[in-house]
Amino acid sequence: MEEKDFNIFKRFWIYQSERFPIFSYGLMVFTFAFSAMSYSKILRGDFNFSLLTLLIGAMTSFGYFFLLRLFDEFKDAEDDAKYRPYRAVPRGLVSFRELKWLIFIIITLQCILNFVFIPKMIWIWALVIIYMFVMAKEFFVRDWLRKHPVAYLVSHMMIMPVIDFYTTGLDWNNNSTTMPNGLIIFLIVTFLNGVVIEIGRKIRAQEAEEAGVETYSYLWGEKGSTMVWLSVLFTTFIFANIACFYAGFGRMTFIFLVFFLIFCAIPALQFLKNRKQKFASKIETMAGIWTLGMYLSLGGIPMIWHFIGG
């Protein structure tokens, strides 16, 4: 029996395992939402935590990131069919019609959950959805963006602080207050983290480049793309320390971030010295570790520490 003959549940299970593993992404997105909500609460000095609000916000955030993957299937359809026929949609595992129904179901569930349980968040939820639809249409300037990779990167990575506007809003907006001082810095860190991940996953050794895949190492060279990644990593470190200042964190957080920066930069420095794919792959891994560690450092861990009486 061929894949396309499997029932829809089995086919979507295979799809998620290849394109959006729900368990690993679910844990990451929960951490993302918890840390963002926590940072806003720390800024306001309000440590009253609603588990229901967090769960609805985390499920909504998970839906946002899943939608990003689904929209990419449509956006990249032509290139995937030409250069990556092994992927789920080109090989016939799932159809575009089925993906449209999945998009509809996710958006409907998000709307119902927010409207019923956290109605004050509905306008921010809608704002994120609108941005995502416009982004899926390449801001109606697809050809121009494809010719300007930096503009493409910036416009698409703006979705990260837009989503974080929602997750931090689970605190300040849901409690009918204004954005606390310092939150803009946190949103800048979110944007930079997105850039760290995006560039990091598209740095490859020359031997690993694929036809039709426009990586940053292809655009800027192995050295150039790695230096840009290191520069963004360091810039994120600077803004993270500013965010720590607003939150009133002490010297130990700064010391941790210094060592964390050095640790995450090691594969990139190795790749500059030895242009092997094994080091390029570690850059992508470190990009994920950096982002997860950054969110936990700014929001998640301090909030947990408060709960256990630290």
C-alpha atoms as a PDB file:
ATOM      1  CA  MET A   1       0.000   0.000   0.000  1.00  0.00           C
ATOM      2  CA  GLU A   2       1.318   3.447  -0.938  1.00  0.00           C
ATOM      3  CA  GLU A   3       1.376   6.379   1.473  1.00  0.00           C
ATOM      4  CA  LYS A   4      -1.364   8.211  -0.378  1.00  0.00           C
ATOM      5  CA  ASP A   5      -3.691   5.254   0.272  1.00  0.00           C
ATOM      6  CA  PHE A   6      -3.342   5.477   4.054  1.00  0.00           C
ATOM      7  CA  ASN A   7      -6.246   6.960   6.014  1.00  0.00           C
ATOM      8  CA  ILE A   8      -6.074  10.692   6.670  1.00  0.00           C
ATOM      9  CA  PHE A   9      -5.048  10.315  10.327  1.00  0.00           C
ATOM     10  CA  LYS A  10      -2.080   8.120   9.504  1.00  0.00           C
ATOM     11  CA  ARG A  11      -1.035  10.424   6.666  1.00  0.00           C
ATOM     12  CA  PHE A  12      -1.152  13.498   8.910  1.00  0.00           C
ATOM     13  CA  TRP A  13       0.768  11.636  11.603  1.00  0.00           C
ATOM     14  CA  ILE A  14       3.530  10.990   9.084  1.00  0.00           C
ATOM     15  CA  TYR A  15       3.296  14.622   7.934  1.00  0.00           C
ATOM     16  CA  GLN A  16       3.772  16.053  11.419  1.00  0.00           C
ATOM     17  CA  SER A  17       6.681  13.714  12.145  1.00  0.00           C
ATOM     18  CA  GLU A  18       8.497  15.024   9.060  1.00  0.00           C
ATOM     19  CA  ARG A  19       7.487  18.682   8.942  1.00  0.00           C
ATOM     20  CA  PHE A  20       6.370  19.741  12.427  1.00  0.00           C
ATOM     21  CA  PRO A  21       6.962  17.205  15.237  1.00  0.00           C
ATOM     22  CA  ILE A  22       4.167  18.080  17.623  1.00  0.00           C
ATOM     23  CA  PHE A  23       5.760  16.866  20.855  1.00  0.00           C
ATOM     24  CA  SER A  24       9.154  18.562  20.509  1.00  0.00           C
ATOM     25  CA  TYR A  25       7.604  21.744  19.113  1.00  0.00           C
ATOM     26  CA  GLY A  26       4.876  21.624  21.733  1.00  0.00           C
ATOM     27  CA  LEU A  27       7.417  21.647  24.558  1.00  0.00           C
ATOM     28  CA  MET A  28       9.372  24.481  22.951  1.00  0.00           C
ATOM     29  CA  VAL A  29       6.278  26.595  22.330  1.00  0.00           C
ATOM     30  CA  PHE A  30       5.030  26.061  25.887  1.00  0.00           C
ATOM     31  CA  THR A  31       8.422  27.277  27.153  1.00  0.00           C
ATOM     32  CA  PHE A  32       8.210  30.214  24.749  1.00  0.00           C
ATOM     33  CA  ALA A  33       4.744  31.234  25.971  1.00  0.00           C
ATOM     34  CA  PHE A  34       5.477  30.671  29.664  1.00  0.00           C
ATOM     35  CA  SER A  35       8.706  32.675  29.539  1.00  0.00           C
ATOM     36  CA  ALA A  36       7.181  35.582  27.607  1.00  0.00           C
ATOM     37  CA  MET A  37       4.196  35.801  29.941  1.00  0.00           C
ATOM     38  CA  SER A  38       6.538  35.504  32.936  1.00  0.00           C
ATOM     39  CA  TYR A  39       8.830  38.308  31.780  1.00  0.00           C
ATOM     40  CA  SER A  40       5.892  40.694  31.485  1.00  0.00           C
ATOM     41  CA  LYS A  41       4.735  39.723  34.980  1.00  0.00           C
ATOM     42  CA  ILE A  42       8.235  40.222  36.385  1.00  0.00           C
ATOM     43  CA  LEU A  43       8.363  43.716  34.899  1.00  0.00           C
ATOM     44  CA  ARG A  44       5.026  44.550  36.518  1.00  0.00           C
ATOM     45  CA  GLY A  45       5.854  42.851  39.817  1.00  0.00           C
ATOM     46  CA  ASP A  46       2.722  40.738  39.525  1.00  0.00           C
ATOM     47  CA  PHE A  47       3.341  37.057  40.241  1.00  0.00           C
ATOM     48  CA  ASN A  48      -0.268  35.874  40.184  1.00  0.00           C
ATOM     49  CA  PHE A  49      -0.331  33.176  37.518  1.00  0.00           C
ATOM     50  CA  SER A  50      -3.388  31.779  35.745  1.00  0.00           C
ATOM     51  CA  LEU A  51      -2.687  28.262  34.505  1.00  0.00           C
ATOM     52  CA  LEU A  52      -5.771  28.388  32.255  1.00  0.00           C
ATOM     53  CA  THR A  53      -4.571  31.575  30.573  1.00  0.00           C
ATOM     54  CA  LEU A  54      -1.139  30.052  30.064  1.00  0.00           C
ATOM     55  CA  LEU A  55      -2.560  26.849  28.564  1.00  0.00           C
ATOM     56  CA  ILE A  56      -4.874  28.697  26.155  1.00  0.00           C
ATOM     57  CA  GLY A  57      -2.021  31.044  25.207  1.00  0.00           C
ATOM     58  CA  ALA A  58       0.389  28.150  24.686  1.00  0.00           C
ATOM     59  CA  MET A  59      -2.115  26.272  22.510  1.00  0.00           C
ATOM     60  CA  THR A  60      -2.720  29.425  20.487  1.00  0.00           C
ATOM     61  CA  SER A  61       1.017  29.965  20.090  1.00  0.00           C
ATOM     62  CA  PHE A  62       1.447  26.352  18.996  1.00  0.00           C
ATOM     63  CA  GLY A  63      -1.241  26.985  16.408  1.00  0.00           C
ATOM     64  CA  TYR A  64       0.607  30.070  15.158  1.00  0.00           C
ATOM     65  CA  PHE A  65       3.825  28.143  14.574  1.00  0.00           C
ATOM     66  CA  PHE A  66       1.980  25.247  12.959  1.00  0.00           C
ATOM     67  CA  LEU A  67       0.259  27.736  10.651  1.00  0.00           C
ATOM     68  CA  LEU A  68       3.651  29.122   9.675  1.00  0.00           C
ATOM     69  CA  ARG A  69       4.690  25.642   8.561  1.00  0.00           C
ATOM     70  CA  LEU A  70       1.441  25.127   6.642  1.00  0.00           C
ATOM     71  CA  PHE A  71       1.655  28.510   4.912  1.00  0.00           C
ATOM     72  CA  ASP A  72       5.221  27.672   3.897  1.00  0.00           C
ATOM     73  CA  GLU A  73       3.932  24.600   2.070  1.00  0.00           C
ATOM     74  CA  PHE A  74       1.952  26.887  -0.224  1.00  0.00           C
ATOM     75  CA  LYS A  75       4.632  29.565  -0.460  1.00  0.00           C
ATOM     76  CA  ASP A  76       7.347  27.069  -1.397  1.00  0.00           C
ATOM     77  CA  ALA A  77       5.163  24.809  -3.543  1.00  0.00           C
ATOM     78  CA  GLU A  78       6.872  25.613  -6.834  1.00  0.00           C
ATOM     79  CA  ASP A  79      10.403  25.183  -5.505  1.00  0.00           C
ATOM     80  CA  ASP A  80       9.492  22.022  -3.581  1.00  0.00           C
ATOM     81  CA  ALA A  81       7.961  20.420  -6.649  1.00  0.00           C
ATOM     82  CA  LYS A  82      11.046  21.263  -8.687  1.00  0.00           C
ATOM     83  CA  TYR A  83      13.879  20.673  -6.248  1.00  0.00           C
ATOM     84  CA  ARG A  84      12.474  18.719  -3.270  1.00  0.00           C
ATOM     85  CA  PRO A  85      10.014  16.102  -4.579  1.00  0.00           C
ATOM     86  CA  TYR A  86      10.740  13.957  -1.514  1.00  0.00           C
ATOM     87  CA  ARG A  87       8.793  16.305   0.761  1.00  0.00           C
ATOM     88  CA  ALA A  88       5.310  15.437   1.990  1.00  0.00           C
ATOM     89  CA  VAL A  89       3.210  17.546  -0.375  1.00  0.00           C
ATOM     90  CA  PRO A  90       5.108  17.009  -3.659  1.00  0.00           C
ATOM     91  CA  ARG A  91       5.199  13.239  -3.152  1.00  0.00           C
ATOM     92  CA  GLY A  92       1.454  13.128  -2.503  1.00  0.00           C
ATOM     93  CA  LEU A  93       1.319  12.301   1.203  1.00  0.00           C
ATOM     94  CA  VAL A  94      -1.108  15.192   1.806  1.00  0.00           C
ATOM     95  CA  SER A  95      -2.886  17.512  -0.598  1.00  0.00           C
ATOM     96  CA  PHE A  96      -3.168  21.293  -0.618  1.00  0.00           C
ATOM     97  CA  ARG A  97      -6.924  20.920  -0.182  1.00  0.00           C
ATOM     98  CA  GLU A  98      -6.365  18.955   3.032  1.00  0.00           C
ATOM     99  CA  LEU A  99      -3.869  21.554   4.267  1.00  0.00           C
ATOM    100  CA  LYS A 100      -6.410  24.329   3.638  1.00  0.00           C
ATOM    101  CA  TRP A 101      -8.912  22.475   5.799  1.00  0.00           C
ATOM    102  CA  LEU A 102      -6.289  22.053   8.519  1.00  0.00           C
ATOM    103  CA  ILE A 103      -5.539  25.803   8.403  1.00  0.00           C
ATOM    104  CA  PHE A 104      -9.260  26.531   8.727  1.00  0.00           C
ATOM    105  CA  ILE A 105      -9.609  24.165  11.709  1.00  0.00           C
ATOM    106  CA  ILE A 106      -6.597  25.630  13.546  1.00  0.00           C
ATOM    107  CA  ILE A 107      -7.751  29.230  13.090  1.00  0.00           C
ATOM    108  CA  THR A 108     -11.311  28.370  14.132  1.00  0.00           C
ATOM    109  CA  LEU A 109     -10.132  26.579  17.296  1.00  0.00           C
ATOM    110  CA  GLN A 110      -7.824  29.474  18.174  1.00  0.00           C
ATOM    111  CA  CYS A 111     -10.646  31.971  17.756  1.00  0.00           C
ATOM    112  CA  ILE A 112     -13.077  29.946  19.893  1.00  0.00           C
ATOM    113  CA  LEU A 113     -10.554  29.321  22.692  1.00  0.00           C
ATOM    114  CA  ASN A 114      -9.542  32.973  22.915  1.00  0.00           C
ATOM    115  CA  PHE A 115     -13.075  34.323  22.601  1.00  0.00           C
ATOM    116  CA  VAL A 116     -14.477  32.002  25.280  1.00  0.00           C
ATOM    117  CA  PHE A 117     -11.651  31.906  27.840  1.00  0.00           C
ATOM    118  CA  ILE A 118      -9.552  35.071  27.348  1.00  0.00           C
ATOM    119  CA  PRO A 119     -11.756  37.456  25.313  1.00  0.00           C
ATOM    120  CA  LYS A 120      -9.502  40.453  25.989  1.00  0.00           C
ATOM    121  CA  MET A 121      -6.870  38.738  23.808  1.00  0.00           C
ATOM    122  CA  ILE A 122      -9.038  38.385  20.726  1.00  0.00           C
ATOM    123  CA  TRP A 123      -7.839  41.605  19.086  1.00  0.00           C
ATOM    124  CA  ILE A 124      -4.174  40.671  19.462  1.00  0.00           C
ATOM    125  CA  TRP A 125      -4.936  37.142  18.229  1.00  0.00           C
ATOM    126  CA  ALA A 126      -6.554  38.654  15.131  1.00  0.00           C
ATOM    127  CA  LEU A 127      -3.605  41.020  14.629  1.00  0.00           C
ATOM    128  CA  VAL A 128      -1.182  38.085  14.512  1.00  0.00           C
ATOM    129  CA  ILE A 129      -3.409  36.168  12.080  1.00  0.00           C
ATOM    130  CA  ILE A 130      -3.609  39.174   9.752  1.00  0.00           C
ATOM    131  CA  TYR A 131       0.178  39.578   9.762  1.00  0.00           C
ATOM    132  CA  MET A 132       0.597  35.893   9.022  1.00  0.00           C
ATOM    133  CA  PHE A 133      -1.746  36.025   6.036  1.00  0.00           C
ATOM    134  CA  VAL A 134       0.029  39.078   4.632  1.00  0.00           C
ATOM    135  CA  MET A 135       3.386  37.393   5.194  1.00  0.00           C
ATOM    136  CA  ALA A 136       2.117  34.268   3.439  1.00  0.00           C
ATOM    137  CA  LYS A 137       1.436  36.494   0.432  1.00  0.00           C
ATOM    138  CA  GLU A 138       5.039  37.757   0.652  1.00  0.00           C
ATOM    139  CA  PHE A 139       3.651  41.229   1.522  1.00  0.00           C
ATOM    140  CA  PHE A 140       2.465  41.380  -2.108  1.00  0.00           C
ATOM    141  CA  VAL A 141       6.023  42.119  -3.277  1.00  0.00           C
ATOM    142  CA  ARG A 142       7.343  38.585  -3.673  1.00  0.00           C
ATOM    143  CA  ASP A 143       9.705  39.238  -6.567  1.00  0.00           C
ATOM    144  CA  TRP A 144      11.246  42.268  -4.859  1.00  0.00           C
ATOM    145  CA  LEU A 145      11.737  40.396  -1.581  1.00  0.00           C
ATOM    146  CA  ARG A 146      13.364  37.461  -3.349  1.00  0.00           C
ATOM    147  CA  LYS A 147      15.921  39.885  -4.799  1.00  0.00           C
ATOM    148  CA  HIS A 148      16.609  41.486  -1.409  1.00  0.00           C
ATOM    149  CA  PRO A 149      17.406  38.702   1.096  1.00  0.00           C
ATOM    150  CA  VAL A 150      17.967  41.045   4.052  1.00  0.00           C
ATOM    151  CA  ALA A 151      14.553  42.662   3.566  1.00  0.00           C
ATOM    152  CA  TYR A 152      13.056  39.186   3.194  1.00  0.00           C
ATOM    153  CA  LEU A 153      14.711  38.057   6.419  1.00  0.00           C
ATOM    154  CA  VAL A 154      13.625  41.108   8.425  1.00  0.00           C
ATOM    155  CA  SER A 155      10.026  41.129   7.163  1.00  0.00           C
ATOM    156  CA  HIS A 156       9.535  37.438   7.881  1.00  0.00           C
ATOM    157  CA  MET A 157      11.304  37.377  11.255  1.00  0.00           C
ATOM    158  CA  MET A 158       9.055  40.193  12.460  1.00  0.00           C
ATOM    159  CA  ILE A 159       6.492  37.456  13.010  1.00  0.00           C
ATOM    160  CA  MET A 160       8.447  36.476  16.135  1.00  0.00           C
ATOM    161  CA  PRO A 161       7.872  39.709  18.114  1.00  0.00           C
ATOM    162  CA  VAL A 162       4.347  39.868  16.670  1.00  0.00           C
ATOM    163  CA  ILE A 163       3.599  36.464  18.228  1.00  0.00           C
ATOM    164  CA  ASP A 164       5.376  37.559  21.414  1.00  0.00           C
ATOM    165  CA  PHE A 165       3.159  40.629  21.485  1.00  0.00           C
ATOM    166  CA  TYR A 166       0.385  38.076  21.990  1.00  0.00           C
ATOM    167  CA  THR A 167       2.216  35.901  24.545  1.00  0.00           C
ATOM    168  CA  THR A 168       3.327  38.852  26.690  1.00  0.00           C
ATOM    169  CA  GLY A 169      -0.171  40.275  26.279  1.00  0.00           C
ATOM    170  CA  LEU A 170      -1.455  37.213  28.120  1.00  0.00           C
ATOM    171  CA  ASP A 171      -0.240  39.168  31.132  1.00  0.00           C
ATOM    172  CA  TRP A 172      -0.476  42.905  30.557  1.00  0.00           C
ATOM    173  CA  ASN A 173      -3.358  43.036  28.072  1.00  0.00           C
ATOM    174  CA  ASN A 174      -5.358  40.304  29.766  1.00  0.00           C
ATOM    175  CA  ASN A 175      -5.037  42.250  33.035  1.00  0.00           C
ATOM    176  CA  SER A 176      -6.167  45.490  31.361  1.00  0.00           C
ATOM    177  CA  THR A 177      -2.896  47.348  31.837  1.00  0.00           C
ATOM    178  CA  THR A 178      -0.503  49.016  29.424  1.00  0.00           C
ATOM    179  CA  MET A 179       2.730  47.432  28.206  1.00  0.00           C
ATOM    180  CA  PRO A 180       5.295  47.649  31.034  1.00  0.00           C
ATOM    181  CA  ASN A 181       8.576  49.508  30.565  1.00  0.00           C
ATOM    182  CA  GLY A 182      11.229  47.256  29.095  1.00  0.00           C
ATOM    183  CA  LEU A 183       8.890  45.009  27.170  1.00  0.00           C
ATOM    184  CA  ILE A 184       9.953  46.540  23.857  1.00  0.00           C
ATOM    185  CA  ILE A 185      13.503  45.370  24.595  1.00  0.00           C
ATOM    186  CA  PHE A 186      12.186  41.845  25.150  1.00  0.00           C
ATOM    187  CA  LEU A 187      10.414  41.998  21.779  1.00  0.00           C
ATOM    188  CA  ILE A 188      13.685  43.092  20.159  1.00  0.00           C
ATOM    189  CA  VAL A 189      15.394  40.071  21.750  1.00  0.00           C
ATOM    190  CA  THR A 190      12.602  37.904  20.314  1.00  0.00           C
ATOM    191  CA  PHE A 191      13.191  39.303  16.837  1.00  0.00           C
ATOM    192  CA  LEU A 192      16.943  38.767  17.099  1.00  0.00           C
ATOM    193  CA  ASN A 193      16.416  35.216  18.341  1.00  0.00           C
ATOM    194  CA  GLY A 194      14.351  34.566  15.237  1.00  0.00           C
ATOM    195  CA  VAL A 195      17.201  35.868  13.082  1.00  0.00           C
ATOM    196  CA  VAL A 196      19.690  33.683  14.968  1.00  0.00           C
ATOM    197  CA  ILE A 197      17.578  30.609  14.193  1.00  0.00           C
ATOM    198  CA  GLU A 198      16.833  31.562  10.591  1.00  0.00           C
ATOM    199  CA  ILE A 199      20.437  32.273   9.619  1.00  0.00           C
ATOM    200  CA  GLY A 200      21.771  29.408  11.724  1.00  0.00           C
ATOM    201  CA  ARG A 201      19.651  26.803   9.968  1.00  0.00           C
ATOM    202  CA  LYS A 202      20.765  28.029   6.553  1.00  0.00           C
ATOM    203  CA  ILE A 203      24.524  27.914   6.978  1.00  0.00           C
ATOM    204  CA  ARG A 204      26.038  24.948   5.187  1.00  0.00           C
ATOM    205  CA  ALA A 205      29.425  23.758   4.054  1.00  0.00           C
ATOM    206  CA  GLN A 206      29.890  24.013   0.310  1.00  0.00           C
ATOM    207  CA  GLU A 207      29.668  20.224   0.020  1.00  0.00           C
ATOM    208  CA  ALA A 208      26.151  20.233   1.526  1.00  0.00           C
ATOM    209  CA  GLU A 209      24.561  22.957  -0.613  1.00  0.00           C
ATOM    210  CA  GLU A 210      21.476  21.847  -2.579  1.00  0.00           C
ATOM    211  CA  ALA A 211      20.227  23.082  -5.925  1.00  0.00           C
ATOM    212  CA  GLY A 212      17.256  25.395  -5.483  1.00  0.00           C
ATOM    213  CA  VAL A 213      17.922  25.975  -1.770  1.00  0.00           C
ATOM    214  CA  GLU A 214      19.046  29.557  -1.260  1.00  0.00           C
ATOM    215  CA  THR A 215      21.059  29.367   1.937  1.00  0.00           C
ATOM    216  CA  TYR A 216      22.857  32.299   3.551  1.00  0.00           C
ATOM    217  CA  SER A 217      26.152  30.504   3.060  1.00  0.00           C
ATOM    218  CA  TYR A 218      25.357  30.453  -0.655  1.00  0.00           C
ATOM    219  CA  LEU A 219      24.400  34.148  -0.673  1.00  0.00           C
ATOM    220  CA  TRP A 220      27.144  35.513   1.582  1.00  0.00           C
ATOM    221  CA  GLY A 221      29.724  32.740   1.554  1.00  0.00           C
ATOM    222  CA  GLU A 222      30.636  30.381   4.380  1.00  0.00           C
ATOM    223  CA  LYS A 223      32.738  32.963   6.228  1.00  0.00           C
ATOM    224  CA  GLY A 224      30.394  35.886   5.619  1.00  0.00           C
ATOM    225  CA  SER A 225      27.244  34.089   6.763  1.00  0.00           C
ATOM    226  CA  THR A 226      28.988  32.736   9.864  1.00  0.00           C
ATOM    227  CA  MET A 227      30.298  36.183  10.803  1.00  0.00           C
ATOM    228  CA  VAL A 228      26.794  37.639  10.381  1.00  0.00           C
ATOM    229  CA  TRP A 229      25.396  34.887  12.612  1.00  0.00           C
ATOM    230  CA  LEU A 230      27.988  35.573  15.296  1.00  0.00           C
ATOM    231  CA  SER A 231      27.268  39.303  15.076  1.00  0.00           C
ATOM    232  CA  VAL A 232      23.530  38.743  15.555  1.00  0.00           C
ATOM    233  CA  LEU A 233      24.248  36.362  18.436  1.00  0.00           C
ATOM    234  CA  PHE A 234      26.345  39.037  20.159  1.00  0.00           C
ATOM    235  CA  THR A 235      23.723  41.723  19.473  1.00  0.00           C
ATOM    236  CA  THR A 236      21.086  39.491  21.058  1.00  0.00           C
ATOM    237  CA  PHE A 237      23.362  39.115  24.082  1.00  0.00           C
ATOM    238  CA  ILE A 238      23.579  42.915  24.429  1.00  0.00           C
ATOM    239  CA  PHE A 239      19.812  43.418  24.272  1.00  0.00           C
ATOM    240  CA  ALA A 240      19.232  40.458  26.595  1.00  0.00           C
ATOM    241  CA  ASN A 241      21.361  42.203  29.213  1.00  0.00           C
ATOM    242  CA  ILE A 242      19.333  45.382  28.779  1.00  0.00           C
ATOM    243  CA  ALA A 243      16.187  43.292  29.273  1.00  0.00           C
ATOM    244  CA  CYS A 244      17.763  41.859  32.443  1.00  0.00           C
ATOM    245  CA  PHE A 245      18.401  45.397  33.696  1.00  0.00           C
ATOM    246  CA  TYR A 246      14.729  46.340  33.293  1.00  0.00           C
ATOM    247  CA  ALA A 247      13.696  43.158  35.117  1.00  0.00           C
ATOM    248  CA  GLY A 248      16.093  43.863  37.991  1.00  0.00           C
ATOM    249  CA  PHE A 249      18.171  40.709  37.538  1.00  0.00           C
ATOM    250  CA  GLY A 250      21.519  40.562  39.302  1.00  0.00           C
ATOM    251  CA  ARG A 251      25.137  39.978  38.338  1.00  0.00           C
ATOM    252  CA  MET A 252      24.784  36.192  38.198  1.00  0.00           C
ATOM    253  CA  THR A 253      22.465  36.436  35.186  1.00  0.00           C
ATOM    254  CA  PHE A 254      25.055  38.507  33.337  1.00  0.00           C
ATOM    255  CA  ILE A 255      27.800  35.996  34.162  1.00  0.00           C
ATOM    256  CA  PHE A 256      25.597  33.136  32.965  1.00  0.00           C
ATOM    257  CA  LEU A 257      24.833  34.923  29.691  1.00  0.00           C
ATOM    258  CA  VAL A 258      28.547  35.538  29.067  1.00  0.00           C
ATOM    259  CA  PHE A 259      29.380  31.850  29.419  1.00  0.00           C
ATOM    260  CA  PHE A 260      26.257  30.896  27.461  1.00  0.00           C
ATOM    261  CA  LEU A 261      27.318  33.201  24.621  1.00  0.00           C
ATOM    262  CA  ILE A 262      30.787  31.637  24.468  1.00  0.00           C
ATOM    263  CA  PHE A 263      29.345  28.112  24.588  1.00  0.00           C
ATOM    264  CA  CYS A 264      26.901  28.739  21.727  1.00  0.00           C
ATOM    265  CA  ALA A 265      29.510  30.512  19.596  1.00  0.00           C
ATOM    266  CA  ILE A 266      32.000  27.608  19.664  1.00  0.00           C
ATOM    267  CA  PRO A 267      30.606  25.660  16.641  1.00  0.00           C
ATOM    268  CA  ALA A 268      30.643  28.809  14.519  1.00  0.00           C
ATOM    269  CA  LEU A 269      34.247  29.476  15.441  1.00  0.00           C
ATOM    270  CA  GLN A 270      35.057  25.858  14.605  1.00  0.00           C
ATOM    271  CA  PHE A 271      33.316  26.205  11.254  1.00  0.00           C
ATOM    272  CA  LEU A 272      35.351  29.311  10.429  1.00  0.00           C
ATOM    273  CA  LYS A 273      38.488  27.276  11.026  1.00  0.00           C
ATOM    274  CA  ASN A 274      37.328  24.023   9.425  1.00  0.00           C
ATOM    275  CA  ARG A 275      34.567  24.313   6.800  1.00  0.00           C
ATOM    276  CA  LYS A 276      33.000  20.916   7.435  1.00  0.00           C
ATOM    277  CA  GLN A 277      29.255  20.248   7.446  1.00  0.00           C
ATOM    278  CA  LYS A 278      29.376  18.694  10.921  1.00  0.00           C
ATOM    279  CA  PHE A 279      30.270  22.107  12.353  1.00  0.00           C
ATOM    280  CA  ALA A 280      27.693  23.899  10.193  1.00  0.00           C
ATOM    281  CA  SER A 281      25.016  21.523  11.517  1.00  0.00           C
ATOM    282  CA  LYS A 282      26.067  22.321  15.076  1.00  0.00           C
ATOM    283  CA  ILE A 283      25.467  26.021  14.393  1.00  0.00           C
ATOM    284  CA  GLU A 284      21.794  25.244  13.752  1.00  0.00           C
ATOM    285  CA  THR A 285      21.654  23.166  16.943  1.00  0.00           C
ATOM    286  CA  MET A 286      23.245  25.952  18.962  1.00  0.00           C
ATOM    287  CA  ALA A 287      20.818  28.481  17.489  1.00  0.00           C
ATOM    288  CA  GLY A 288      17.965  26.476  18.995  1.00  0.00           C
ATOM    289  CA  ILE A 289      19.754  26.016  22.324  1.00  0.00           C
ATOM    290  CA  TRP A 290      20.541  29.737  22.455  1.00  0.00           C
ATOM    291  CA  THR A 291      16.939  30.742  21.835  1.00  0.00           C
ATOM    292  CA  LEU A 292      15.530  28.292  24.366  1.00  0.00           C
ATOM    293  CA  GLY A 293      18.115  29.292  26.957  1.00  0.00           C
ATOM    294  CA  MET A 294      17.479  32.988  26.328  1.00  0.00           C
ATOM    295  CA  TYR A 295      13.744  32.702  26.955  1.00  0.00           C
ATOM    296  CA  LEU A 296      14.259  30.615  30.075  1.00  0.00           C
ATOM    297  CA  SER A 297      16.865  33.062  31.414  1.00  0.00           C
ATOM    298  CA  LEU A 298      14.674  36.127  30.928  1.00  0.00           C
ATOM    299  CA  GLY A 299      11.330  34.748  32.048  1.00  0.00           C
ATOM    300  CA  GLY A 300      10.893  31.065  32.753  1.00  0.00           C
ATOM    301  CA  ILE A 301      13.644  30.376  35.289  1.00  0.00           C
ATOM    302  CA  PRO A 302      13.181  33.605  37.324  1.00  0.00           C
ATOM    303  CA  MET A 303       9.451  32.891  37.566  1.00  0.00           C
ATOM    304  CA  ILE A 304       9.998  29.273  38.638  1.00  0.00           C
ATOM    305  CA  TRP A 305      12.592  30.497  41.144  1.00  0.00           C
ATOM    306  CA  HIS A 306      10.008  32.871  42.574  1.00  0.00           C
ATOM    307  CA  PHE A 307       7.459  30.048  42.880  1.00  0.00           C
ATOM    308  CA  ILE A 308       9.845  27.809  44.848  1.00  0.00           C
ATOM    309  CA  GLY A 309      10.705  30.668  47.185  1.00  0.00           C
ATOM    310  CA  GLY A 310      14.049  31.799  45.791  1.00  0.00           C
END
